[in-house]
Amino acid sequence: MTKNSQLFPCGRVANMLSRREWLSKAGAGAGMIGLASLMAEQNLLAAPQADGASTPVTSLLPRVGHFPAKVKSVIWLFMEGAPSAVDMFDRKPELDKQDGKTTDIQAFFGNPGPLMKSPFSFKQYGECGQWVCDKYTNVAKHVDKMAFIKSCYSESNDHVPAIYQINSGLPRPGFPTAGAWVTYGLGSENQNLPGYVVMGNTKGAKGGPHNWGAGFLPSTFQGTLFRSQGSPVLNLNRQPNITRQDQRAQLDLMAKLNDEHMQRHTDDAEFANRMQSFELAFRMQKEATEVVDLSRETKATQELYGIDQSRTKSYGSKCLMARRLVESGVRFVQVYSDGEWDAHNDLEENHTHHCAATDVPVAGLLSDLEERGLLDSTLVIWGGEFGRMPVSQNGKGRDHNPKGFLQWMAGAGIKGGVSYGETDEVGYEAVENPVSVNDLHATILHLLGLDHERLTYFHNSRSYRLTDVAGKVIREILS
């Protein structure tokens, strides 16, 4: 035997390494692990498909999900600022009885008062007998289409991280949002429009573009911010002195040069994404402008959405555009309310204003989708980033409450006229069938034919998914 060999008990000879040699070889191995991570971050490794295959997915071409889908498109009506469930859809008789009683419930941002009953009256609607406040009477006509999830909870009591979480599953920026995951998994039915469109708050959404970002997914799948008037996307239209033929020639030359680059750098996924973005912008110049041209709609349709009234014109225009987008094959549309349902000082005034701005448009959207047969293939979601406290704040307001809030879903795959989960008797905390944000996302993906545990993307040395390591489908609300 050699100097650095010894006989194992089984009789096999093995080479023994010195400590210096062992450290040298182990260090090289650790370095390769680090190199692999860096290469992945720079898109120098092949990115997996949604089903875990090794072929990169960067296009918006339509793809088949993991199983047959009940939903083709999603319209998410996002009520930024957090509406109060106990003042809109989740009547609490015990809160009326205990109005003015002191409790040990603490407000997050100071000045907690006693329990406060709702300033609104309630009435039961539909065959299901769902309670709805007197400020949402048009939406109330559609309760038999809706599934009310009354026991949602999230992790943060602050708007920005809470909005990040409701969009991406995590209360911090930089992760792919639900719309990005959906378009990554399924692509889009229309190659002349983005697969994921956002119509933002007119005052600017808290947290900014992270709320519709693609995170570490290819940038092809990030949301595109549309405006409801004028050019739908800033800088979309070409300059007046450039003809369409000139622009096409420029893009063709760029494509030729880019193809030569891609032959030398075959794994540069982000470069390919930029090439696709140029082409998509070119194709959008005509179709996107037509989509936002609401003058093509009849007067009756515009009135259905409240576009003829000043207080409902803004949100009504966005809801009508959402219908036009899904009708055109866009996969995921998110419609932010204008202003904020952030009622710290005067809940009655705040919610009366926002109900007046959204009641007719939301009801009009549901009616229009149903009349056109689109409700059979479209999932509509309504809700905010968290809820509000049952105790008063600053006299007549309510503070943030992530421990118990409400979302409703309607449309394709949803069992209408049902409620799932409950908060306690005053609406403070989810106590029956609590529903996490991961559960909401798992349910949305399931309706789209995607298994939330299989929709993954390899990044930073591990596979990520929208629901992280949690989430279960709320099957009780599915038809």
Protein backbone atom coordinates (compact mmCIF):
# COMPACT_ATOMS: atom_id res chain seq x y z
CA MET A 1 0.00 0.00 0.00
CA THR A 2 1.06 3.59 -0.59
CA LYS A 3 1.96 5.98 2.18
CA ASN A 4 -1.44 7.67 2.14
CA SER A 5 -3.52 4.49 1.82
CA GLN A 6 -5.05 2.19 4.38
CA LEU A 7 -7.13 -0.96 4.31
CA PHE A 8 -10.82 -0.51 5.20
CA PRO A 9 -12.41 -3.23 7.38
CA CYS A 10 -14.05 -4.64 4.26
CA GLY A 11 -10.69 -5.05 2.62
CA ARG A 12 -11.10 -2.05 0.23
CA VAL A 13 -8.15 0.28 -0.19
CA ALA A 14 -8.84 4.02 0.08
CA ASN A 15 -6.58 6.99 -0.38
CA MET A 16 -6.21 9.13 2.72
CA LEU A 17 -5.98 12.89 2.16
CA SER A 18 -3.98 15.30 4.23
CA ARG A 19 -5.90 18.08 5.96
CA ARG A 20 -4.55 20.63 3.47
CA GLU A 21 -5.63 18.50 0.50
CA TRP A 22 -9.09 17.90 2.00
CA LEU A 23 -9.68 21.61 2.61
CA SER A 24 -8.50 22.41 -0.91
CA LYS A 25 -10.91 19.97 -2.55
CA ALA A 26 -13.83 20.91 -0.28
CA GLY A 27 -13.22 24.59 -0.96
CA ALA A 28 -13.38 23.99 -4.68
CA GLY A 29 -16.71 22.22 -4.25
CA ALA A 30 -18.13 25.09 -2.19
CA GLY A 31 -16.90 27.50 -4.86
CA MET A 32 -18.78 25.57 -7.55
CA ILE A 33 -21.98 25.83 -5.49
CA GLY A 34 -21.50 29.58 -5.26
CA LEU A 35 -20.74 29.79 -8.99
CA ALA A 36 -23.94 27.90 -9.82
CA SER A 37 -25.95 30.34 -7.69
CA LEU A 38 -24.34 33.37 -9.37
CA MET A 39 -24.92 31.89 -12.83
CA ALA A 40 -28.58 31.30 -11.97
CA GLU A 41 -28.98 34.90 -10.83
CA GLN A 42 -27.46 36.12 -14.13
CA ASN A 43 -29.77 33.82 -16.14
CA LEU A 44 -26.80 31.78 -17.34
CA LEU A 45 -28.50 28.53 -16.39
CA ALA A 46 -31.58 27.20 -18.14
CA ALA A 47 -34.73 28.26 -16.31
CA PRO A 48 -37.31 25.53 -15.67
CA GLN A 49 -40.78 25.47 -17.10
CA ALA A 50 -43.81 25.80 -14.87
CA ASP A 51 -43.92 22.02 -14.56
CA GLY A 52 -40.28 21.78 -13.54
CA ALA A 53 -38.83 20.98 -17.00
CA SER A 54 -35.49 22.52 -17.93
CA THR A 55 -36.61 24.44 -21.04
CA PRO A 56 -36.95 28.20 -20.41
CA VAL A 57 -40.42 29.74 -20.63
CA THR A 58 -40.28 33.36 -21.76
CA SER A 59 -43.12 33.76 -24.26
CA LEU A 60 -46.76 34.68 -23.78
CA LEU A 61 -47.94 31.91 -26.09
CA PRO A 62 -50.90 30.09 -24.50
CA ARG A 63 -49.95 26.98 -22.54
CA VAL A 64 -51.92 24.09 -21.06
CA GLY A 65 -52.23 23.91 -17.28
CA HIS A 66 -51.79 20.91 -15.04
CA PHE A 67 -55.45 19.87 -15.34
CA PRO A 68 -58.64 21.11 -17.04
CA ALA A 69 -59.43 24.68 -15.99
CA LYS A 70 -62.74 26.27 -15.10
CA VAL A 71 -61.34 29.79 -15.51
CA LYS A 72 -59.65 31.43 -18.50
CA SER A 73 -59.25 34.97 -17.17
CA VAL A 74 -59.16 36.80 -13.83
CA ILE A 75 -60.43 40.29 -12.97
CA TRP A 76 -59.23 41.31 -9.51
CA LEU A 77 -61.10 44.33 -8.12
CA PHE A 78 -58.57 45.55 -5.58
CA MET A 79 -60.02 47.87 -2.94
CA GLU A 80 -56.81 49.55 -1.78
CA GLY A 81 -56.79 50.85 1.78
CA ALA A 82 -58.85 48.01 3.27
CA PRO A 83 -62.67 48.15 3.45
CA SER A 84 -64.38 47.06 6.66
CA ALA A 85 -66.18 43.72 6.47
CA VAL A 86 -68.43 44.40 9.47
CA ASP A 87 -69.65 47.58 7.76
CA MET A 88 -70.30 46.07 4.33
CA PHE A 89 -70.96 42.32 4.11
CA ASP A 90 -70.44 40.72 7.54
CA ARG A 91 -73.16 42.03 9.83
CA LYS A 92 -72.40 41.47 13.52
CA PRO A 93 -75.50 41.78 15.77
CA GLU A 94 -73.29 41.41 18.84
CA LEU A 95 -71.34 44.49 17.80
CA ASP A 96 -74.60 46.43 17.82
CA LYS A 97 -75.39 45.15 21.32
CA GLN A 98 -71.94 45.96 22.70
CA ASP A 99 -71.62 49.37 21.06
CA GLY A 100 -69.68 51.68 23.39
CA LYS A 101 -68.32 48.90 25.58
CA THR A 102 -64.61 49.04 26.37
CA THR A 103 -62.42 46.06 25.50
CA ASP A 104 -58.75 45.10 25.63
CA ILE A 105 -58.46 45.22 21.81
CA GLN A 106 -55.61 47.58 20.94
CA ALA A 107 -55.44 49.79 17.88
CA PHE A 108 -52.19 49.55 15.94
CA PHE A 109 -51.85 53.28 15.36
CA GLY A 110 -53.19 54.73 18.59
CA ASN A 111 -56.35 56.24 20.06
CA PRO A 112 -58.31 53.00 20.55
CA GLY A 113 -61.86 53.59 21.65
CA PRO A 114 -64.72 51.30 22.66
CA LEU A 115 -66.50 48.86 20.39
CA MET A 116 -68.33 50.70 17.61
CA LYS A 117 -71.38 49.45 15.75
CA SER A 118 -71.69 50.02 12.04
CA PRO A 119 -73.11 53.39 11.01
CA PHE A 120 -74.90 51.66 8.12
CA SER A 121 -78.09 49.63 8.03
CA PHE A 122 -78.18 46.13 6.57
CA LYS A 123 -80.64 44.13 4.51
CA GLN A 124 -80.69 40.52 3.33
CA TYR A 125 -80.47 39.86 -0.41
CA GLY A 126 -80.86 36.96 -2.80
CA GLU A 127 -81.94 33.40 -2.19
CA CYS A 128 -78.91 32.95 0.04
CA GLY A 129 -80.02 35.75 2.37
CA GLN A 130 -76.61 37.45 2.44
CA TRP A 131 -76.49 40.64 4.52
CA VAL A 132 -75.26 43.75 2.63
CA CYS A 133 -75.07 47.34 3.85
CA ASP A 134 -77.31 50.05 2.43
CA LYS A 135 -74.40 51.64 0.53
CA TYR A 136 -73.80 48.67 -1.80
CA THR A 137 -77.32 47.98 -3.02
CA ASN A 138 -76.37 47.39 -6.67
CA VAL A 139 -73.65 44.87 -5.85
CA ALA A 140 -76.13 43.27 -3.43
CA LYS A 141 -78.27 42.15 -6.37
CA HIS A 142 -75.51 39.69 -7.34
CA VAL A 143 -74.90 37.92 -4.01
CA ASP A 144 -76.21 34.61 -5.34
CA LYS A 145 -73.24 34.59 -7.74
CA MET A 146 -70.71 35.18 -4.95
CA ALA A 147 -68.78 33.12 -2.46
CA PHE A 148 -67.96 35.18 0.63
CA ILE A 149 -64.70 34.23 2.37
CA LYS A 150 -65.15 35.82 5.80
CA SER A 151 -62.15 34.48 7.71
CA CYS A 152 -59.11 35.80 5.84
CA TYR A 153 -55.99 36.85 7.70
CA SER A 154 -52.56 38.19 6.78
CA GLU A 155 -49.26 38.97 8.50
CA SER A 156 -48.84 42.74 8.40
CA ASN A 157 -50.84 45.63 9.82
CA ASP A 158 -49.15 48.16 7.51
CA HIS A 159 -50.48 48.92 4.03
CA VAL A 160 -47.37 48.46 1.91
CA PRO A 161 -46.21 45.02 3.17
CA ALA A 162 -49.84 43.88 3.34
CA ILE A 163 -50.40 44.85 -0.30
CA TYR A 164 -47.17 43.09 -1.24
CA GLN A 165 -48.43 39.97 0.51
CA ILE A 166 -51.91 39.95 -1.01
CA ASN A 167 -50.26 40.31 -4.43
CA SER A 168 -47.20 38.06 -4.10
CA GLY A 169 -47.79 35.91 -1.01
CA LEU A 170 -44.95 37.54 0.94
CA PRO A 171 -44.98 40.84 2.87
CA ARG A 172 -41.84 42.24 1.24
CA PRO A 173 -40.97 43.46 -2.26
CA GLY A 174 -39.13 41.68 -5.04
CA PHE A 175 -41.23 38.55 -5.46
CA PRO A 176 -43.43 37.61 -8.44
CA THR A 177 -47.04 38.67 -8.09
CA ALA A 178 -50.04 36.42 -8.70
CA GLY A 179 -50.65 37.85 -12.17
CA ALA A 180 -47.02 37.20 -13.12
CA TRP A 181 -47.21 33.60 -11.90
CA VAL A 182 -50.45 33.03 -13.83
CA THR A 183 -49.08 34.39 -17.12
CA TYR A 184 -45.84 32.44 -16.56
CA GLY A 185 -47.87 29.26 -16.16
CA LEU A 186 -50.49 29.80 -18.86
CA GLY A 187 -49.37 32.55 -21.22
CA SER A 188 -52.04 34.68 -22.88
CA GLU A 189 -54.72 34.21 -25.54
CA ASN A 190 -53.77 37.48 -27.28
CA GLN A 191 -50.22 38.09 -28.50
CA ASN A 192 -50.93 41.74 -29.33
CA LEU A 193 -51.64 42.71 -25.72
CA PRO A 194 -49.84 42.03 -22.43
CA GLY A 195 -50.94 38.92 -20.60
CA TYR A 196 -51.18 40.84 -17.32
CA VAL A 197 -52.67 44.34 -17.18
CA VAL A 198 -53.04 46.65 -14.18
CA MET A 199 -55.23 49.73 -13.90
CA GLY A 200 -53.86 51.54 -10.91
CA ASN A 201 -55.07 53.92 -8.26
CA THR A 202 -55.30 57.43 -9.71
CA LYS A 203 -53.29 58.66 -6.70
CA GLY A 204 -50.65 55.98 -7.15
CA ALA A 205 -50.69 52.59 -5.43
CA LYS A 206 -48.75 52.30 -2.19
CA GLY A 207 -45.63 50.23 -2.80
CA GLY A 208 -45.54 51.16 -6.49
CA PRO A 209 -44.65 48.78 -9.36
CA HIS A 210 -43.56 46.00 -6.98
CA ASN A 211 -47.32 45.33 -6.66
CA TRP A 212 -47.42 44.02 -10.23
CA GLY A 213 -43.81 43.03 -10.74
CA ALA A 214 -42.42 39.73 -11.99
CA GLY A 215 -39.68 39.52 -9.35
CA PHE A 216 -37.19 36.84 -10.42
CA LEU A 217 -39.49 35.52 -13.16
CA PRO A 218 -38.69 36.66 -16.72
CA SER A 219 -39.82 40.27 -17.16
CA THR A 220 -42.18 39.15 -19.93
CA PHE A 221 -44.67 38.22 -17.22
CA GLN A 222 -44.75 41.47 -15.22
CA GLY A 223 -47.92 43.56 -15.20
CA THR A 224 -48.33 46.43 -17.63
CA LEU A 225 -49.86 49.59 -16.18
CA PHE A 226 -52.73 50.85 -18.37
CA ARG A 227 -54.44 54.21 -18.25
CA SER A 228 -58.19 54.43 -18.78
CA GLN A 229 -58.00 57.51 -21.03
CA GLY A 230 -55.75 58.60 -23.89
CA SER A 231 -52.79 56.39 -24.77
CA PRO A 232 -53.14 53.26 -22.59
CA VAL A 233 -49.37 53.04 -22.01
CA LEU A 234 -46.97 55.97 -21.75
CA ASN A 235 -44.63 56.38 -24.75
CA LEU A 236 -46.50 53.67 -26.66
CA ASN A 237 -47.18 55.66 -29.81
CA ARG A 238 -44.35 56.29 -32.27
CA GLN A 239 -43.16 59.81 -33.04
CA PRO A 240 -45.12 61.65 -35.78
CA ASN A 241 -42.09 61.85 -38.08
CA ILE A 242 -41.59 58.06 -38.06
CA THR A 243 -43.79 55.91 -40.29
CA ARG A 244 -44.95 52.42 -39.41
CA GLN A 245 -42.74 51.08 -42.23
CA ASP A 246 -39.68 52.88 -40.81
CA GLN A 247 -40.40 51.51 -37.35
CA ARG A 248 -40.83 47.99 -38.75
CA ALA A 249 -37.51 48.29 -40.57
CA GLN A 250 -35.79 49.44 -37.35
CA LEU A 251 -37.22 46.47 -35.43
CA ASP A 252 -36.17 44.05 -38.18
CA LEU A 253 -32.61 45.36 -38.06
CA MET A 254 -32.58 45.13 -34.26
CA ALA A 255 -33.92 41.58 -34.50
CA LYS A 256 -31.15 40.60 -36.90
CA LEU A 257 -28.45 42.03 -34.63
CA ASN A 258 -30.10 40.51 -31.57
CA ASP A 259 -30.29 37.09 -33.22
CA GLU A 260 -26.56 37.22 -33.84
CA HIS A 261 -26.04 38.08 -30.17
CA MET A 262 -28.36 35.27 -29.06
CA GLN A 263 -26.41 32.71 -31.11
CA ARG A 264 -23.36 33.57 -29.01
CA HIS A 265 -25.29 33.85 -25.72
CA THR A 266 -28.02 31.24 -25.94
CA ASP A 267 -28.97 31.34 -22.26
CA ASP A 268 -29.44 35.12 -21.94
CA ALA A 269 -33.14 34.92 -21.05
CA GLU A 270 -33.50 38.59 -20.13
CA PHE A 271 -32.11 39.65 -23.50
CA ALA A 272 -34.75 37.50 -25.18
CA ASN A 273 -37.39 39.13 -22.95
CA ARG A 274 -36.32 42.60 -24.06
CA MET A 275 -36.56 41.55 -27.71
CA GLN A 276 -40.10 40.30 -27.11
CA SER A 277 -41.01 43.55 -25.32
CA PHE A 278 -40.04 45.62 -28.38
CA GLU A 279 -42.17 43.44 -30.62
CA LEU A 280 -45.12 43.47 -28.21
CA ALA A 281 -45.00 47.28 -27.97
CA PHE A 282 -45.09 47.48 -31.78
CA ARG A 283 -48.12 45.18 -32.00
CA MET A 284 -49.85 47.00 -29.11
CA GLN A 285 -49.82 50.37 -30.86
CA LYS A 286 -53.00 49.53 -32.70
CA GLU A 287 -54.85 47.00 -30.54
CA ALA A 288 -54.21 48.56 -27.11
CA THR A 289 -55.51 51.91 -28.32
CA GLU A 290 -58.66 50.21 -29.59
CA VAL A 291 -59.22 48.40 -26.28
CA VAL A 292 -59.31 51.63 -24.28
CA ASP A 293 -61.57 53.37 -26.80
CA LEU A 294 -64.77 53.14 -24.78
CA SER A 295 -66.66 55.21 -27.37
CA ARG A 296 -67.03 51.93 -29.27
CA GLU A 297 -69.46 50.79 -26.56
CA THR A 298 -73.16 51.61 -26.69
CA LYS A 299 -74.62 54.34 -24.55
CA ALA A 300 -76.55 51.72 -22.58
CA THR A 301 -73.35 49.82 -21.76
CA GLN A 302 -71.59 52.99 -20.67
CA GLU A 303 -74.51 53.84 -18.41
CA LEU A 304 -74.47 50.31 -16.99
CA TYR A 305 -70.94 50.99 -15.69
CA GLY A 306 -71.77 54.51 -14.50
CA ILE A 307 -69.52 56.24 -17.02
CA ASP A 308 -72.23 58.88 -17.52
CA GLN A 309 -71.95 59.95 -13.84
CA SER A 310 -69.02 61.94 -12.45
CA ARG A 311 -68.64 59.96 -9.22
CA THR A 312 -68.55 56.57 -10.97
CA LYS A 313 -66.90 57.54 -14.26
CA SER A 314 -63.30 56.74 -13.26
CA TYR A 315 -63.85 53.30 -11.74
CA GLY A 316 -66.60 52.49 -14.24
CA SER A 317 -64.19 53.17 -17.11
CA LYS A 318 -61.61 50.85 -15.60
CA CYS A 319 -64.16 48.07 -15.03
CA LEU A 320 -65.45 48.36 -18.59
CA MET A 321 -61.89 48.27 -19.89
CA ALA A 322 -61.29 45.14 -17.79
CA ARG A 323 -64.20 43.46 -19.55
CA ARG A 324 -62.85 44.52 -22.94
CA LEU A 325 -59.40 43.19 -22.04
CA VAL A 326 -60.55 39.71 -20.97
CA GLU A 327 -62.86 39.64 -23.98
CA SER A 328 -59.73 40.27 -26.08
CA GLY A 329 -57.87 37.36 -24.48
CA VAL A 330 -55.87 39.04 -21.69
CA ARG A 331 -55.28 36.52 -18.92
CA PHE A 332 -55.10 38.61 -15.73
CA VAL A 333 -56.47 42.12 -15.06
CA GLN A 334 -56.18 43.95 -11.76
CA VAL A 335 -58.33 47.04 -11.18
CA TYR A 336 -57.34 49.27 -8.26
CA SER A 337 -59.96 51.49 -6.65
CA ASP A 338 -59.26 55.23 -6.64
CA GLY A 339 -58.18 56.77 -3.35
CA GLU A 340 -58.11 54.62 -0.23
CA TRP A 341 -60.65 52.89 1.98
CA ASP A 342 -58.39 53.89 4.90
CA ALA A 343 -60.98 55.05 7.44
CA HIS A 344 -58.96 56.05 10.52
CA ASN A 345 -61.02 59.15 11.31
CA ASP A 346 -64.51 58.93 9.85
CA LEU A 347 -65.53 55.52 8.54
CA GLU A 348 -69.03 56.59 7.56
CA GLU A 349 -67.79 59.39 5.32
CA ASN A 350 -64.92 57.34 3.85
CA HIS A 351 -66.92 54.22 3.05
CA THR A 352 -69.93 56.16 1.78
CA HIS A 353 -67.65 57.88 -0.73
CA HIS A 354 -65.93 54.70 -1.93
CA CYS A 355 -69.14 52.68 -2.08
CA ALA A 356 -70.71 55.41 -4.21
CA ALA A 357 -67.70 55.30 -6.55
CA THR A 358 -67.61 51.51 -6.97
CA ASP A 359 -71.12 50.11 -6.37
CA VAL A 360 -72.56 50.76 -9.84
CA PRO A 361 -69.33 49.88 -11.75
CA VAL A 362 -68.82 46.54 -9.95
CA ALA A 363 -72.47 45.57 -10.38
CA GLY A 364 -72.31 46.66 -14.02
CA LEU A 365 -69.24 44.52 -14.62
CA LEU A 366 -70.93 41.42 -13.19
CA SER A 367 -74.10 42.03 -15.23
CA ASP A 368 -72.17 42.68 -18.43
CA LEU A 369 -69.94 39.61 -18.03
CA GLU A 370 -72.98 37.45 -17.42
CA GLU A 371 -74.93 38.84 -20.38
CA ARG A 372 -72.00 38.23 -22.73
CA GLY A 373 -71.36 34.70 -21.43
CA LEU A 374 -67.95 35.75 -20.07
CA LEU A 375 -68.81 35.06 -16.45
CA ASP A 376 -68.63 31.36 -17.32
CA SER A 377 -64.90 31.72 -18.01
CA THR A 378 -63.89 34.69 -15.84
CA LEU A 379 -63.12 34.76 -12.12
CA VAL A 380 -63.93 38.07 -10.39
CA ILE A 381 -62.29 38.82 -7.02
CA TRP A 382 -63.14 41.72 -4.67
CA GLY A 383 -61.27 42.77 -1.54
CA GLY A 384 -58.45 44.76 0.07
CA GLU A 385 -55.15 44.05 1.77
CA PHE A 386 -56.64 43.51 5.26
CA GLY A 387 -59.70 44.56 7.27
CA ARG A 388 -60.59 47.02 10.00
CA MET A 389 -61.01 46.87 13.76
CA PRO A 390 -64.36 46.50 15.55
CA VAL A 391 -63.27 49.22 18.01
CA SER A 392 -63.41 52.90 17.19
CA GLN A 393 -60.40 55.09 16.47
CA ASN A 394 -60.25 58.87 16.75
CA GLY A 395 -63.93 58.85 17.62
CA LYS A 396 -65.58 57.56 14.40
CA GLY A 397 -62.85 55.69 12.51
CA ARG A 398 -61.45 52.16 12.49
CA ASP A 399 -57.81 51.04 12.53
CA HIS A 400 -56.13 48.32 10.42
CA ASN A 401 -56.95 44.69 11.18
CA PRO A 402 -54.99 41.83 9.55
CA LYS A 403 -56.50 39.23 11.90
CA GLY A 404 -59.87 38.96 10.20
CA PHE A 405 -61.15 40.32 6.88
CA LEU A 406 -63.32 39.42 3.90
CA GLN A 407 -62.88 38.71 0.20
CA TRP A 408 -65.51 37.55 -2.24
CA MET A 409 -65.22 35.67 -5.51
CA ALA A 410 -67.74 35.29 -8.30
CA GLY A 411 -67.92 33.74 -11.73
CA ALA A 412 -66.37 30.66 -13.27
CA GLY A 413 -65.89 27.70 -10.95
CA ILE A 414 -67.43 29.47 -7.93
CA LYS A 415 -70.38 28.15 -5.94
CA GLY A 416 -72.63 31.19 -5.64
CA GLY A 417 -74.54 32.26 -2.55
CA VAL A 418 -72.22 30.62 -0.01
CA SER A 419 -70.12 31.83 2.90
CA TYR A 420 -66.94 30.25 4.20
CA GLY A 421 -65.33 30.87 7.57
CA GLU A 422 -66.20 33.29 10.33
CA THR A 423 -64.62 35.90 12.55
CA ASP A 424 -65.56 36.16 16.21
CA GLU A 425 -68.82 37.75 17.36
CA VAL A 426 -67.51 41.31 16.93
CA GLY A 427 -65.45 40.71 13.78
CA TYR A 428 -61.96 41.01 15.27
CA GLU A 429 -60.27 37.67 14.54
CA ALA A 430 -60.80 34.68 12.24
CA VAL A 431 -61.99 31.80 14.42
CA GLU A 432 -63.69 29.36 12.03
CA ASN A 433 -61.86 27.98 8.98
CA PRO A 434 -59.13 30.66 8.87
CA VAL A 435 -57.98 31.43 5.32
CA SER A 436 -54.42 32.60 4.67
CA VAL A 437 -53.25 34.59 1.66
CA ASN A 438 -51.55 31.37 0.51
CA ASP A 439 -54.95 29.65 0.56
CA LEU A 440 -56.49 32.41 -1.57
CA HIS A 441 -53.69 32.10 -4.11
CA ALA A 442 -53.87 28.30 -4.15
CA THR A 443 -57.61 28.54 -4.91
CA ILE A 444 -57.12 31.07 -7.73
CA LEU A 445 -54.44 28.92 -9.36
CA HIS A 446 -56.59 25.79 -8.98
CA LEU A 447 -59.48 27.42 -10.82
CA LEU A 448 -57.08 28.29 -13.64
CA GLY A 449 -56.01 24.65 -13.92
CA LEU A 450 -52.69 25.12 -12.09
CA ASP A 451 -51.45 23.05 -9.16
CA HIS A 452 -49.93 25.58 -6.77
CA GLU A 453 -47.35 23.03 -5.61
CA ARG A 454 -46.17 22.31 -9.18
CA LEU A 455 -46.09 25.87 -10.51
CA THR A 456 -42.46 26.53 -9.59
CA TYR A 457 -39.42 28.50 -10.74
CA PHE A 458 -35.83 27.72 -9.84
CA HIS A 459 -34.09 30.79 -8.42
CA ASN A 460 -31.21 31.37 -6.05
CA SER A 461 -30.55 27.64 -5.64
CA ARG A 462 -34.10 26.58 -4.83
CA SER A 463 -37.55 26.23 -6.37
CA TYR A 464 -40.03 29.00 -5.54
CA ARG A 465 -43.78 29.10 -5.91
CA LEU A 466 -46.54 31.66 -5.34
CA THR A 467 -47.74 29.87 -2.20
CA ASP A 468 -44.18 29.38 -0.84
CA VAL A 469 -44.40 26.28 1.40
CA ALA A 470 -48.07 26.58 2.41
CA GLY A 471 -51.53 27.00 0.92
CA LYS A 472 -54.58 24.81 0.43
CA VAL A 473 -57.44 25.07 -2.04
CA ILE A 474 -60.75 26.25 -0.51
CA ARG A 475 -62.80 23.51 -2.12
CA GLU A 476 -65.96 24.38 -0.18
CA ILE A 477 -66.54 27.45 -2.38
CA LEU A 478 -65.96 25.67 -5.69
CA SER A 479 -68.77 24.52 -7.95
